[in-house]
């Protein structure tokens, strides 16, 4: 994010490592998390903030005891009107931190529609499906397919992995470069396949979140 969309801006030392330090000192995490964010946009209508990850891979090992409290704090941010979206990156040998899966209202696995991506996702599909909320309820799980139909369709992928496809995003490298590498938006960005499918996917994910909330209430 910093090296891409934010065009190499520095986080000025902000991020998860400072959150870990606050946890070690016994400070409430909610205010610390908000203080450690970096603005993504200057829009007045919506505030979009980014909490940077670790600057060094080894720092993640210092976070093992923090995930649970962090996940609980993210959950409480909903009470003050803050929605939290976590990009957990690629699934490593130890998977995704359990508390993040347990507390998430919806967890999605993003993959391409080719054989290599589907087979790689299949390796982790079991652990991805088996995690459960601390309350015992079944959390919502879904797939986000990039470039559906090249060659496998959404139904084929869902059947192979046993997980429903909840959103599909166009494979549109020239438009995606604006978000991934900070390249200038081309003049047709707003009407590009990527932009259109991002809006459609956001609506689809919101609908799934509403259904999950209704199930929990009932």
C-alpha atoms as a PDB file:
ATOM      1  CA  UNK A   1       0.000   0.000   0.000  1.00  0.00           C
ATOM      2  CA  UNK A   2       2.725   2.474   0.985  1.00  0.00           C
ATOM      3  CA  UNK A   3       4.974   1.563  -1.936  1.00  0.00           C
ATOM      4  CA  UNK A   4       2.046   1.230  -4.342  1.00  0.00           C
ATOM      5  CA  UNK A   5      -1.131   3.284  -4.045  1.00  0.00           C
ATOM      6  CA  UNK A   6       0.522   5.813  -1.705  1.00  0.00           C
ATOM      7  CA  UNK A   7       3.469   6.196  -4.118  1.00  0.00           C
ATOM      8  CA  UNK A   8       6.251   5.403  -1.676  1.00  0.00           C
ATOM      9  CA  UNK A   9       5.078   7.582   1.199  1.00  0.00           C
ATOM     10  CA  UNK A  10       6.490   6.791   4.616  1.00  0.00           C
ATOM     11  CA  UNK A  11       4.340   5.675   7.527  1.00  0.00           C
ATOM     12  CA  UNK A  12       6.521   7.725   9.930  1.00  0.00           C
ATOM     13  CA  UNK A  13       6.911   4.741  12.221  1.00  0.00           C
ATOM     14  CA  UNK A  14       3.201   4.039  12.458  1.00  0.00           C
ATOM     15  CA  UNK A  15       1.761   0.529  12.258  1.00  0.00           C
ATOM     16  CA  UNK A  16       1.216  -2.791  13.987  1.00  0.00           C
ATOM     17  CA  UNK A  17       4.562  -2.743  15.811  1.00  0.00           C
ATOM     18  CA  UNK A  18       3.409   0.300  17.792  1.00  0.00           C
ATOM     19  CA  UNK A  19       0.159  -1.532  18.537  1.00  0.00           C
ATOM     20  CA  UNK A  20       2.209  -4.446  19.913  1.00  0.00           C
ATOM     21  CA  UNK A  21       4.138  -2.050  22.136  1.00  0.00           C
ATOM     22  CA  UNK A  22       0.884  -0.578  23.469  1.00  0.00           C
ATOM     23  CA  UNK A  23      -0.412  -4.086  24.195  1.00  0.00           C
ATOM     24  CA  UNK A  24       2.775  -4.890  26.091  1.00  0.00           C
ATOM     25  CA  UNK A  25       2.334  -1.729  28.163  1.00  0.00           C
ATOM     26  CA  UNK A  26      -1.302  -2.584  28.935  1.00  0.00           C
ATOM     27  CA  UNK A  27      -2.768   0.435  27.136  1.00  0.00           C
ATOM     28  CA  UNK A  28      -6.281   0.259  25.574  1.00  0.00           C
ATOM     29  CA  UNK A  29      -5.834  -0.639  21.917  1.00  0.00           C
ATOM     30  CA  UNK A  30      -8.745   1.225  20.322  1.00  0.00           C
ATOM     31  CA  UNK A  31      -7.259   4.705  20.566  1.00  0.00           C
ATOM     32  CA  UNK A  32      -3.805   3.383  19.707  1.00  0.00           C
ATOM     33  CA  UNK A  33      -5.091   1.717  16.537  1.00  0.00           C
ATOM     34  CA  UNK A  34      -6.804   4.898  15.357  1.00  0.00           C
ATOM     35  CA  UNK A  35      -3.689   6.945  16.150  1.00  0.00           C
ATOM     36  CA  UNK A  36      -1.462   4.567  14.166  1.00  0.00           C
ATOM     37  CA  UNK A  37      -3.433   4.867  10.923  1.00  0.00           C
ATOM     38  CA  UNK A  38      -2.447   6.738   7.770  1.00  0.00           C
ATOM     39  CA  UNK A  39      -5.119   8.557   5.676  1.00  0.00           C
ATOM     40  CA  UNK A  40      -5.819   7.050   2.261  1.00  0.00           C
ATOM     41  CA  UNK A  41      -7.942   9.891   0.944  1.00  0.00           C
ATOM     42  CA  UNK A  42      -8.657  13.534   1.625  1.00  0.00           C
ATOM     43  CA  UNK A  43     -12.386  13.155   0.966  1.00  0.00           C
ATOM     44  CA  UNK A  44     -14.631  14.820   3.548  1.00  0.00           C
ATOM     45  CA  UNK A  45     -17.602  12.508   3.020  1.00  0.00           C
ATOM     46  CA  UNK A  46     -15.867   9.255   3.998  1.00  0.00           C
ATOM     47  CA  UNK A  47     -12.782   8.710   6.111  1.00  0.00           C
ATOM     48  CA  UNK A  48     -10.611   5.846   4.879  1.00  0.00           C
ATOM     49  CA  UNK A  49      -7.618   5.015   7.045  1.00  0.00           C
ATOM     50  CA  UNK A  50      -4.800   2.488   6.623  1.00  0.00           C
ATOM     51  CA  UNK A  51      -3.058   0.680   9.471  1.00  0.00           C
ATOM     52  CA  UNK A  52       0.379  -0.367   8.138  1.00  0.00           C
ATOM     53  CA  UNK A  53       1.657  -3.866   8.757  1.00  0.00           C
ATOM     54  CA  UNK A  54       5.163  -4.893   9.735  1.00  0.00           C
ATOM     55  CA  UNK A  55       8.199  -3.222   8.192  1.00  0.00           C
ATOM     56  CA  UNK A  56      10.287  -6.333   8.933  1.00  0.00           C
ATOM     57  CA  UNK A  57       9.034  -9.935   8.540  1.00  0.00           C
ATOM     58  CA  UNK A  58      10.553 -10.941  11.866  1.00  0.00           C
ATOM     59  CA  UNK A  59       8.322  -8.478  13.684  1.00  0.00           C
ATOM     60  CA  UNK A  60       5.321 -10.751  13.127  1.00  0.00           C
ATOM     61  CA  UNK A  61       6.690 -13.179  15.714  1.00  0.00           C
ATOM     62  CA  UNK A  62       6.276 -10.465  18.359  1.00  0.00           C
ATOM     63  CA  UNK A  63       2.563 -10.296  17.620  1.00  0.00           C
ATOM     64  CA  UNK A  64       1.491 -13.832  18.549  1.00  0.00           C
ATOM     65  CA  UNK A  65      -0.040 -12.776  21.863  1.00  0.00           C
ATOM     66  CA  UNK A  66      -1.694  -9.657  20.460  1.00  0.00           C
ATOM     67  CA  UNK A  67      -3.991 -11.072  17.758  1.00  0.00           C
ATOM     68  CA  UNK A  68      -6.866 -11.938  20.087  1.00  0.00           C
ATOM     69  CA  UNK A  69      -7.025  -8.513  21.753  1.00  0.00           C
ATOM     70  CA  UNK A  70      -6.586  -6.842  18.369  1.00  0.00           C
ATOM     71  CA  UNK A  71      -9.460  -8.837  16.852  1.00  0.00           C
ATOM     72  CA  UNK A  72     -11.716  -8.001  19.804  1.00  0.00           C
ATOM     73  CA  UNK A  73     -10.818  -4.318  19.462  1.00  0.00           C
ATOM     74  CA  UNK A  74     -11.599  -4.362  15.743  1.00  0.00           C
ATOM     75  CA  UNK A  75     -14.984  -5.821  16.636  1.00  0.00           C
ATOM     76  CA  UNK A  76     -15.701  -2.993  19.088  1.00  0.00           C
ATOM     77  CA  UNK A  77     -14.831  -0.366  16.477  1.00  0.00           C
ATOM     78  CA  UNK A  78     -18.108  -1.285  14.791  1.00  0.00           C
ATOM     79  CA  UNK A  79     -19.870   0.302  17.775  1.00  0.00           C
ATOM     80  CA  UNK A  80     -18.488   3.722  16.761  1.00  0.00           C
ATOM     81  CA  UNK A  81     -19.271   3.297  13.072  1.00  0.00           C
ATOM     82  CA  UNK A  82     -15.886   2.058  11.871  1.00  0.00           C
ATOM     83  CA  UNK A  83     -15.779  -0.807   9.369  1.00  0.00           C
ATOM     84  CA  UNK A  84     -12.554  -2.819   9.362  1.00  0.00           C
ATOM     85  CA  UNK A  85     -11.199  -4.560   6.264  1.00  0.00           C
ATOM     86  CA  UNK A  86      -8.126  -6.726   6.816  1.00  0.00           C
ATOM     87  CA  UNK A  87      -5.777  -7.688   4.007  1.00  0.00           C
ATOM     88  CA  UNK A  88      -3.982 -10.707   5.458  1.00  0.00           C
ATOM     89  CA  UNK A  89      -1.823 -11.169   2.360  1.00  0.00           C
ATOM     90  CA  UNK A  90      -0.842 -14.586   1.063  1.00  0.00           C
ATOM     91  CA  UNK A  91      -1.601 -17.569   3.261  1.00  0.00           C
ATOM     92  CA  UNK A  92       1.684 -18.721   4.755  1.00  0.00           C
ATOM     93  CA  UNK A  93       2.696 -22.088   6.225  1.00  0.00           C
ATOM     94  CA  UNK A  94       0.955 -21.257   9.515  1.00  0.00           C
ATOM     95  CA  UNK A  95      -2.216 -19.955   7.906  1.00  0.00           C
ATOM     96  CA  UNK A  96      -4.067 -16.814   8.950  1.00  0.00           C
ATOM     97  CA  UNK A  97      -4.063 -15.843  12.675  1.00  0.00           C
ATOM     98  CA  UNK A  98      -6.961 -17.709  14.258  1.00  0.00           C
ATOM     99  CA  UNK A  99      -8.561 -14.767  16.124  1.00  0.00           C
ATOM    100  CA  UNK A 100      -8.889 -12.789  12.891  1.00  0.00           C
ATOM    101  CA  UNK A 101     -10.860 -15.649  11.364  1.00  0.00           C
ATOM    102  CA  UNK A 102     -12.924 -16.203  14.500  1.00  0.00           C
ATOM    103  CA  UNK A 103     -14.035 -12.602  14.887  1.00  0.00           C
ATOM    104  CA  UNK A 104     -14.521 -11.671  11.236  1.00  0.00           C
ATOM    105  CA  UNK A 105     -18.112 -11.296  10.064  1.00  0.00           C
ATOM    106  CA  UNK A 106     -17.007 -12.415   6.596  1.00  0.00           C
ATOM    107  CA  UNK A 107     -13.713 -13.924   5.484  1.00  0.00           C
ATOM    108  CA  UNK A 108     -12.874 -14.190   1.793  1.00  0.00           C
ATOM    109  CA  UNK A 109     -10.147 -16.043  -0.051  1.00  0.00           C
ATOM    110  CA  UNK A 110      -9.048 -14.198  -3.203  1.00  0.00           C
ATOM    111  CA  UNK A 111      -7.813 -16.309  -6.102  1.00  0.00           C
ATOM    112  CA  UNK A 112      -7.430 -16.396  -9.868  1.00  0.00           C
ATOM    113  CA  UNK A 113      -9.502 -18.805 -11.965  1.00  0.00           C
ATOM    114  CA  UNK A 114      -6.601 -20.866 -13.345  1.00  0.00           C
ATOM    115  CA  UNK A 115      -5.637 -24.372 -12.273  1.00  0.00           C
ATOM    116  CA  UNK A 116      -2.562 -23.299 -10.319  1.00  0.00           C
ATOM    117  CA  UNK A 117      -4.528 -20.850  -8.167  1.00  0.00           C
ATOM    118  CA  UNK A 118      -7.435 -23.208  -7.550  1.00  0.00           C
ATOM    119  CA  UNK A 119      -5.145 -26.068  -6.514  1.00  0.00           C
ATOM    120  CA  UNK A 120      -3.155 -23.773  -4.209  1.00  0.00           C
ATOM    121  CA  UNK A 121      -6.392 -22.578  -2.610  1.00  0.00           C
ATOM    122  CA  UNK A 122      -7.516 -26.166  -2.165  1.00  0.00           C
ATOM    123  CA  UNK A 123      -4.546 -26.829   0.123  1.00  0.00           C
ATOM    124  CA  UNK A 124      -5.874 -24.254   2.597  1.00  0.00           C
ATOM    125  CA  UNK A 125      -9.616 -24.702   2.026  1.00  0.00           C
ATOM    126  CA  UNK A 126     -10.027 -27.140   4.950  1.00  0.00           C
ATOM    127  CA  UNK A 127      -8.541 -24.880   7.631  1.00  0.00           C
ATOM    128  CA  UNK A 128     -10.269 -21.905   6.050  1.00  0.00           C
ATOM    129  CA  UNK A 129     -13.655 -23.594   6.463  1.00  0.00           C
ATOM    130  CA  UNK A 130     -13.091 -25.245   9.833  1.00  0.00           C
ATOM    131  CA  UNK A 131     -12.455 -22.160  11.983  1.00  0.00           C
ATOM    132  CA  UNK A 132     -15.482 -21.041  14.004  1.00  0.00           C
ATOM    133  CA  UNK A 133     -16.581 -18.022  16.014  1.00  0.00           C
ATOM    134  CA  UNK A 134     -15.931 -18.110  19.754  1.00  0.00           C
ATOM    135  CA  UNK A 135     -19.704 -18.078  20.196  1.00  0.00           C
ATOM    136  CA  UNK A 136     -19.930 -21.366  18.313  1.00  0.00           C
ATOM    137  CA  UNK A 137     -21.748 -19.880  15.310  1.00  0.00           C
ATOM    138  CA  UNK A 138     -20.580 -20.683  11.795  1.00  0.00           C
ATOM    139  CA  UNK A 139     -18.768 -17.639  10.363  1.00  0.00           C
ATOM    140  CA  UNK A 140     -19.373 -16.602   6.775  1.00  0.00           C
ATOM    141  CA  UNK A 141     -16.762 -17.773   4.279  1.00  0.00           C
ATOM    142  CA  UNK A 142     -16.502 -16.980   0.605  1.00  0.00           C
ATOM    143  CA  UNK A 143     -14.334 -16.782  -2.479  1.00  0.00           C
ATOM    144  CA  UNK A 144     -13.477 -13.698  -4.515  1.00  0.00           C
ATOM    145  CA  UNK A 145     -12.477 -14.804  -8.009  1.00  0.00           C
ATOM    146  CA  UNK A 146     -10.290 -12.595 -10.192  1.00  0.00           C
ATOM    147  CA  UNK A 147     -10.757 -13.144 -13.921  1.00  0.00           C
ATOM    148  CA  UNK A 148     -13.554 -15.710 -13.746  1.00  0.00           C
ATOM    149  CA  UNK A 149     -13.803 -17.877 -16.832  1.00  0.00           C
ATOM    150  CA  UNK A 150     -10.091 -17.978 -17.649  1.00  0.00           C
ATOM    151  CA  UNK A 151     -10.528 -20.852 -17.827  1.00  0.00           C
ATOM    152  CA  UNK A 152     -12.718 -21.975 -14.897  1.00  0.00           C
ATOM    153  CA  UNK A 153     -16.095 -20.455 -14.088  1.00  0.00           C
ATOM    154  CA  UNK A 154     -17.359 -19.449 -10.664  1.00  0.00           C
ATOM    155  CA  UNK A 155     -19.547 -22.523 -10.259  1.00  0.00           C
ATOM    156  CA  UNK A 156     -16.683 -24.884 -11.090  1.00  0.00           C
ATOM    157  CA  UNK A 157     -14.358 -23.199  -8.613  1.00  0.00           C
ATOM    158  CA  UNK A 158     -16.971 -23.163  -5.860  1.00  0.00           C
ATOM    159  CA  UNK A 159     -17.682 -26.853  -6.349  1.00  0.00           C
ATOM    160  CA  UNK A 160     -13.977 -27.755  -6.344  1.00  0.00           C
ATOM    161  CA  UNK A 161     -13.287 -25.903  -3.095  1.00  0.00           C
ATOM    162  CA  UNK A 162     -16.610 -26.363  -1.336  1.00  0.00           C
ATOM    163  CA  UNK A 163     -16.868 -22.623  -0.673  1.00  0.00           C
ATOM    164  CA  UNK A 164     -19.346 -20.231  -2.328  1.00  0.00           C
ATOM    165  CA  UNK A 165     -18.140 -17.491  -4.651  1.00  0.00           C
ATOM    166  CA  UNK A 166     -19.373 -14.212  -3.161  1.00  0.00           C
ATOM    167  CA  UNK A 167     -17.745 -11.781  -5.604  1.00  0.00           C
ATOM    168  CA  UNK A 168     -15.942 -11.689  -8.946  1.00  0.00           C
ATOM    169  CA  UNK A 169     -13.425  -9.056 -10.057  1.00  0.00           C
ATOM    170  CA  UNK A 170     -12.282  -8.461 -13.617  1.00  0.00           C
ATOM    171  CA  UNK A 171      -8.686  -9.178 -14.577  1.00  0.00           C
ATOM    172  CA  UNK A 172      -7.813  -5.646 -15.726  1.00  0.00           C
ATOM    173  CA  UNK A 173      -4.047  -5.059 -15.227  1.00  0.00           C
ATOM    174  CA  UNK A 174      -3.904  -1.536 -16.676  1.00  0.00           C
ATOM    175  CA  UNK A 175      -6.588  -0.287 -14.284  1.00  0.00           C
ATOM    176  CA  UNK A 176      -5.328  -2.340 -11.340  1.00  0.00           C
ATOM    177  CA  UNK A 177      -1.897  -0.686 -11.654  1.00  0.00           C
ATOM    178  CA  UNK A 178      -3.418   2.518 -10.238  1.00  0.00           C
ATOM    179  CA  UNK A 179      -4.251   0.690  -6.994  1.00  0.00           C
ATOM    180  CA  UNK A 180      -1.294  -1.689  -6.823  1.00  0.00           C
ATOM    181  CA  UNK A 181       1.515   0.572  -8.058  1.00  0.00           C
ATOM    182  CA  UNK A 182       0.217   4.112  -7.702  1.00  0.00           C
ATOM    183  CA  UNK A 183       0.133   4.767 -11.433  1.00  0.00           C
ATOM    184  CA  UNK A 184      -2.039   7.699 -12.586  1.00  0.00           C
ATOM    185  CA  UNK A 185      -5.666   6.819 -13.260  1.00  0.00           C
ATOM    186  CA  UNK A 186      -6.337   6.529 -16.971  1.00  0.00           C
ATOM    187  CA  UNK A 187      -9.255   8.548 -18.272  1.00  0.00           C
ATOM    188  CA  UNK A 188     -11.552   5.540 -18.562  1.00  0.00           C
ATOM    189  CA  UNK A 189     -10.800   4.210 -15.069  1.00  0.00           C
ATOM    190  CA  UNK A 190     -14.283   4.886 -13.659  1.00  0.00           C
ATOM    191  CA  UNK A 191     -15.901   2.927 -16.501  1.00  0.00           C
ATOM    192  CA  UNK A 192     -13.248   0.205 -16.671  1.00  0.00           C
ATOM    193  CA  UNK A 193     -14.078  -3.482 -16.088  1.00  0.00           C
ATOM    194  CA  UNK A 194     -12.133  -3.358 -12.820  1.00  0.00           C
ATOM    195  CA  UNK A 195     -14.002  -0.350 -11.462  1.00  0.00           C
ATOM    196  CA  UNK A 196     -17.396  -1.748 -12.424  1.00  0.00           C
ATOM    197  CA  UNK A 197     -16.747  -5.149 -10.860  1.00  0.00           C
ATOM    198  CA  UNK A 198     -15.290  -3.584  -7.702  1.00  0.00           C
ATOM    199  CA  UNK A 199     -18.556  -1.700  -7.173  1.00  0.00           C
ATOM    200  CA  UNK A 200     -20.590  -4.842  -7.886  1.00  0.00           C
ATOM    201  CA  UNK A 201     -18.411  -6.889  -5.546  1.00  0.00           C
ATOM    202  CA  UNK A 202     -18.752  -4.336  -2.750  1.00  0.00           C
ATOM    203  CA  UNK A 203     -22.539  -4.582  -3.010  1.00  0.00           C
ATOM    204  CA  UNK A 204     -22.367  -8.377  -3.007  1.00  0.00           C
ATOM    205  CA  UNK A 205     -20.140  -8.472   0.068  1.00  0.00           C
ATOM    206  CA  UNK A 206     -22.421  -6.019   1.873  1.00  0.00           C
ATOM    207  CA  UNK A 207     -25.405  -8.251   1.129  1.00  0.00           C
ATOM    208  CA  UNK A 208     -23.592 -11.284   2.552  1.00  0.00           C
ATOM    209  CA  UNK A 209     -22.667  -9.327   5.670  1.00  0.00           C
ATOM    210  CA  UNK A 210     -26.303  -8.349   6.176  1.00  0.00           C
ATOM    211  CA  UNK A 211     -27.386 -11.981   5.874  1.00  0.00           C
ATOM    212  CA  UNK A 212     -24.739 -13.025   8.394  1.00  0.00           C
ATOM    213  CA  UNK A 213     -25.909 -10.337  10.847  1.00  0.00           C
ATOM    214  CA  UNK A 214     -29.516 -11.506  10.476  1.00  0.00           C
ATOM    215  CA  UNK A 215     -28.536 -15.121  11.202  1.00  0.00           C
ATOM    216  CA  UNK A 216     -26.656 -14.042  14.329  1.00  0.00           C
ATOM    217  CA  UNK A 217     -29.632 -11.996  15.558  1.00  0.00           C
ATOM    218  CA  UNK A 218     -32.027 -14.897  14.945  1.00  0.00           C
END
